[in-house]
N, C-alpha and C. Protein backbone atom coordinates (compact mmCIF):
# COMPACT_ATOMS: atom_id res chain seq x y z
N UNK A 1 0.84 -1.19 0.00
CA UNK A 1 0.00 0.00 0.00
C UNK A 1 0.89 1.24 0.00
N UNK A 2 0.54 2.20 -0.78
CA UNK A 2 1.30 3.43 -0.89
C UNK A 2 0.81 4.45 0.12
N UNK A 3 1.75 5.15 0.74
CA UNK A 3 1.38 6.22 1.67
C UNK A 3 1.77 7.56 1.07
N UNK A 4 1.07 8.57 1.44
CA UNK A 4 1.35 9.92 0.95
C UNK A 4 2.33 10.58 1.91
N UNK A 5 3.37 11.17 1.36
CA UNK A 5 4.37 11.82 2.19
C UNK A 5 3.77 13.05 2.88
N UNK A 6 4.16 13.32 4.15
CA UNK A 6 3.62 14.49 4.87
C UNK A 6 3.87 15.81 4.17
N UNK A 7 5.02 15.96 3.49
CA UNK A 7 5.30 17.23 2.82
C UNK A 7 4.37 17.48 1.65
N UNK A 8 3.74 16.42 1.11
CA UNK A 8 2.78 16.58 0.02
C UNK A 8 1.44 17.06 0.56
N UNK A 9 1.00 16.53 1.68
CA UNK A 9 -0.30 16.88 2.23
C UNK A 9 -0.25 18.13 3.08
N UNK A 10 0.93 18.54 3.51
CA UNK A 10 1.05 19.70 4.39
C UNK A 10 0.80 19.37 5.84
N UNK A 11 0.63 18.10 6.17
CA UNK A 11 0.41 17.70 7.56
C UNK A 11 1.73 17.47 8.26
N UNK A 12 1.77 17.82 9.53
CA UNK A 12 2.94 17.57 10.33
C UNK A 12 2.80 16.24 11.04
N UNK A 13 3.91 15.71 11.49
CA UNK A 13 3.89 14.47 12.25
C UNK A 13 3.07 14.69 13.53
N UNK A 14 2.16 13.81 13.83
CA UNK A 14 1.34 13.94 15.02
C UNK A 14 -0.03 14.55 14.77
N UNK A 15 -0.28 15.04 13.57
CA UNK A 15 -1.58 15.64 13.27
C UNK A 15 -2.70 14.61 13.35
N UNK A 16 -2.41 13.35 13.10
CA UNK A 16 -3.44 12.32 13.18
C UNK A 16 -3.97 12.19 14.61
N UNK A 17 -3.13 12.51 15.59
CA UNK A 17 -3.56 12.46 16.98
C UNK A 17 -4.66 13.48 17.27
N UNK A 18 -4.65 14.60 16.54
CA UNK A 18 -5.66 15.63 16.75
C UNK A 18 -7.06 15.12 16.45
N UNK A 19 -7.16 14.15 15.57
CA UNK A 19 -8.47 13.61 15.22
C UNK A 19 -9.10 12.85 16.39
N UNK A 20 -8.29 12.46 17.35
CA UNK A 20 -8.79 11.71 18.51
C UNK A 20 -9.12 12.62 19.69
N UNK A 21 -8.77 13.91 19.59
CA UNK A 21 -9.01 14.85 20.69
C UNK A 21 -10.48 15.22 20.76
N UNK A 22 -10.99 15.54 21.97
CA UNK A 22 -12.35 16.09 22.08
C UNK A 22 -12.42 17.46 21.37
N UNK A 23 -13.58 17.80 20.89
CA UNK A 23 -13.76 19.03 20.11
C UNK A 23 -13.36 20.27 20.91
N UNK A 24 -13.60 20.27 22.20
CA UNK A 24 -13.29 21.44 23.03
C UNK A 24 -11.80 21.76 23.00
N UNK A 25 -10.95 20.75 22.89
CA UNK A 25 -9.50 20.96 22.90
C UNK A 25 -8.97 21.40 21.54
N UNK A 26 -9.76 21.30 20.50
CA UNK A 26 -9.33 21.69 19.16
C UNK A 26 -9.56 23.17 18.87
N UNK A 27 -10.31 23.84 19.73
CA UNK A 27 -10.60 25.27 19.51
C UNK A 27 -9.31 26.08 19.53
N UNK A 28 -9.21 27.04 18.64
CA UNK A 28 -8.02 27.89 18.57
C UNK A 28 -8.31 29.19 19.31
N UNK A 29 -7.41 29.55 20.22
CA UNK A 29 -7.60 30.74 21.05
C UNK A 29 -6.55 31.79 20.70
N UNK A 30 -6.84 33.03 21.09
CA UNK A 30 -5.93 34.14 20.87
C UNK A 30 -4.72 34.01 21.80
N UNK A 31 -3.63 34.69 21.50
CA UNK A 31 -2.42 34.62 22.34
C UNK A 31 -2.67 34.97 23.81
N UNK A 32 -3.56 35.92 24.08
CA UNK A 32 -3.84 36.31 25.46
C UNK A 32 -4.42 35.14 26.25
N UNK A 33 -5.35 34.43 25.64
CA UNK A 33 -5.95 33.29 26.34
C UNK A 33 -4.98 32.12 26.41
N UNK A 34 -4.13 31.97 25.41
CA UNK A 34 -3.11 30.93 25.44
C UNK A 34 -2.15 31.16 26.61
N UNK A 35 -1.80 32.42 26.85
CA UNK A 35 -0.96 32.75 28.00
C UNK A 35 -1.64 32.36 29.31
N UNK A 36 -2.92 32.68 29.41
CA UNK A 36 -3.67 32.39 30.63
C UNK A 36 -3.79 30.89 30.88
N UNK A 37 -4.08 30.13 29.82
CA UNK A 37 -4.27 28.69 29.97
C UNK A 37 -2.97 27.96 30.27
N UNK A 38 -1.87 28.44 29.69
CA UNK A 38 -0.60 27.73 29.85
C UNK A 38 0.25 28.27 30.98
N UNK A 39 -0.07 29.44 31.49
CA UNK A 39 0.70 30.17 32.50
C UNK A 39 2.12 30.46 32.03
N UNK A 40 2.29 30.61 30.73
CA UNK A 40 3.56 31.04 30.14
C UNK A 40 3.32 32.32 29.36
N UNK A 41 4.36 33.14 29.24
CA UNK A 41 4.21 34.35 28.43
C UNK A 41 4.20 33.97 26.96
N UNK A 42 3.61 34.85 26.14
CA UNK A 42 3.54 34.56 24.70
C UNK A 42 4.94 34.50 24.09
N UNK A 43 5.86 35.32 24.60
CA UNK A 43 7.24 35.27 24.11
C UNK A 43 7.87 33.90 24.35
N UNK A 44 7.63 33.33 25.52
CA UNK A 44 8.15 32.00 25.81
C UNK A 44 7.51 30.94 24.92
N UNK A 45 6.21 31.06 24.72
CA UNK A 45 5.51 30.11 23.85
C UNK A 45 6.08 30.20 22.43
N UNK A 46 6.28 31.40 21.91
CA UNK A 46 6.83 31.55 20.56
C UNK A 46 8.25 31.00 20.47
N UNK A 47 9.03 31.22 21.51
CA UNK A 47 10.43 30.80 21.49
C UNK A 47 10.59 29.29 21.63
N UNK A 48 9.83 28.67 22.54
CA UNK A 48 10.05 27.26 22.87
C UNK A 48 9.01 26.31 22.27
N UNK A 49 7.87 26.82 21.84
CA UNK A 49 6.79 25.96 21.34
C UNK A 49 6.18 26.50 20.06
N UNK A 50 7.01 27.04 19.19
CA UNK A 50 6.51 27.65 17.95
C UNK A 50 5.85 26.63 17.03
N UNK A 51 6.15 25.36 17.21
CA UNK A 51 5.53 24.34 16.36
C UNK A 51 4.05 24.16 16.65
N UNK A 52 3.58 24.67 17.79
CA UNK A 52 2.18 24.53 18.17
C UNK A 52 1.35 25.78 17.86
N UNK A 53 1.97 26.81 17.34
CA UNK A 53 1.28 28.05 17.00
C UNK A 53 0.65 27.90 15.62
N UNK A 54 -0.60 28.32 15.51
CA UNK A 54 -1.35 28.22 14.26
C UNK A 54 -1.43 29.60 13.62
N UNK A 55 -1.01 29.71 12.37
CA UNK A 55 -1.07 30.96 11.63
C UNK A 55 -2.45 31.06 10.99
N UNK A 56 -3.31 31.95 11.49
CA UNK A 56 -4.68 32.09 11.00
C UNK A 56 -4.77 32.96 9.76
N UNK A 57 -3.96 34.00 9.72
CA UNK A 57 -3.88 34.88 8.55
C UNK A 57 -2.51 35.53 8.58
N UNK A 58 -2.31 36.54 7.74
CA UNK A 58 -0.99 37.19 7.72
C UNK A 58 -0.65 37.82 9.07
N UNK A 59 -1.66 38.33 9.78
CA UNK A 59 -1.41 39.04 11.03
C UNK A 59 -1.92 38.33 12.27
N UNK A 60 -2.81 37.36 12.10
CA UNK A 60 -3.43 36.70 13.26
C UNK A 60 -2.82 35.33 13.51
N UNK A 61 -2.54 35.07 14.78
CA UNK A 61 -2.04 33.76 15.18
C UNK A 61 -2.87 33.26 16.36
N UNK A 62 -2.78 31.99 16.62
CA UNK A 62 -3.50 31.41 17.73
C UNK A 62 -2.85 30.10 18.13
N UNK A 63 -3.50 29.42 19.07
CA UNK A 63 -2.99 28.16 19.56
C UNK A 63 -4.16 27.30 20.00
N UNK A 64 -4.08 26.00 19.79
CA UNK A 64 -5.15 25.10 20.20
C UNK A 64 -5.19 25.00 21.73
N UNK A 65 -6.39 24.91 22.27
CA UNK A 65 -6.57 24.81 23.72
C UNK A 65 -5.83 23.60 24.26
N UNK A 66 -5.91 22.48 23.57
CA UNK A 66 -5.24 21.26 24.02
C UNK A 66 -3.74 21.45 24.15
N UNK A 67 -3.14 22.15 23.19
CA UNK A 67 -1.70 22.39 23.27
C UNK A 67 -1.37 23.33 24.44
N UNK A 68 -2.21 24.33 24.66
CA UNK A 68 -1.99 25.26 25.78
C UNK A 68 -1.97 24.52 27.11
N UNK A 69 -2.92 23.61 27.27
CA UNK A 69 -3.05 22.91 28.53
C UNK A 69 -1.94 21.88 28.74
N UNK A 70 -1.32 21.41 27.67
CA UNK A 70 -0.29 20.38 27.79
C UNK A 70 1.13 20.94 27.90
N UNK A 71 1.30 22.26 27.77
CA UNK A 71 2.64 22.82 27.88
C UNK A 71 3.15 22.72 29.31
N UNK A 72 4.42 22.36 29.48
CA UNK A 72 4.98 22.31 30.83
C UNK A 72 5.13 23.72 31.37
N UNK A 73 4.91 23.88 32.65
CA UNK A 73 5.04 25.20 33.27
C UNK A 73 6.51 25.58 33.35
N UNK A 74 6.80 26.84 33.06
CA UNK A 74 8.17 27.31 33.01
C UNK A 74 8.68 27.59 34.34
């Protein structure tokens, strides 16, 4: 069976796990709420967890609630 390479689909490794998450954890929140949920500053999140930041448009970014809650406290 042939598999499609991740670089072709644009999916990152681990994206299949998101399909198993409850819907509430998939919601994308603004940086201010991400700071509150993770108890980390947005600068720290950008520096150490940039792979979890979602680019919504050219100027807007966000983060999934599930990722915010799973970040280790600094």
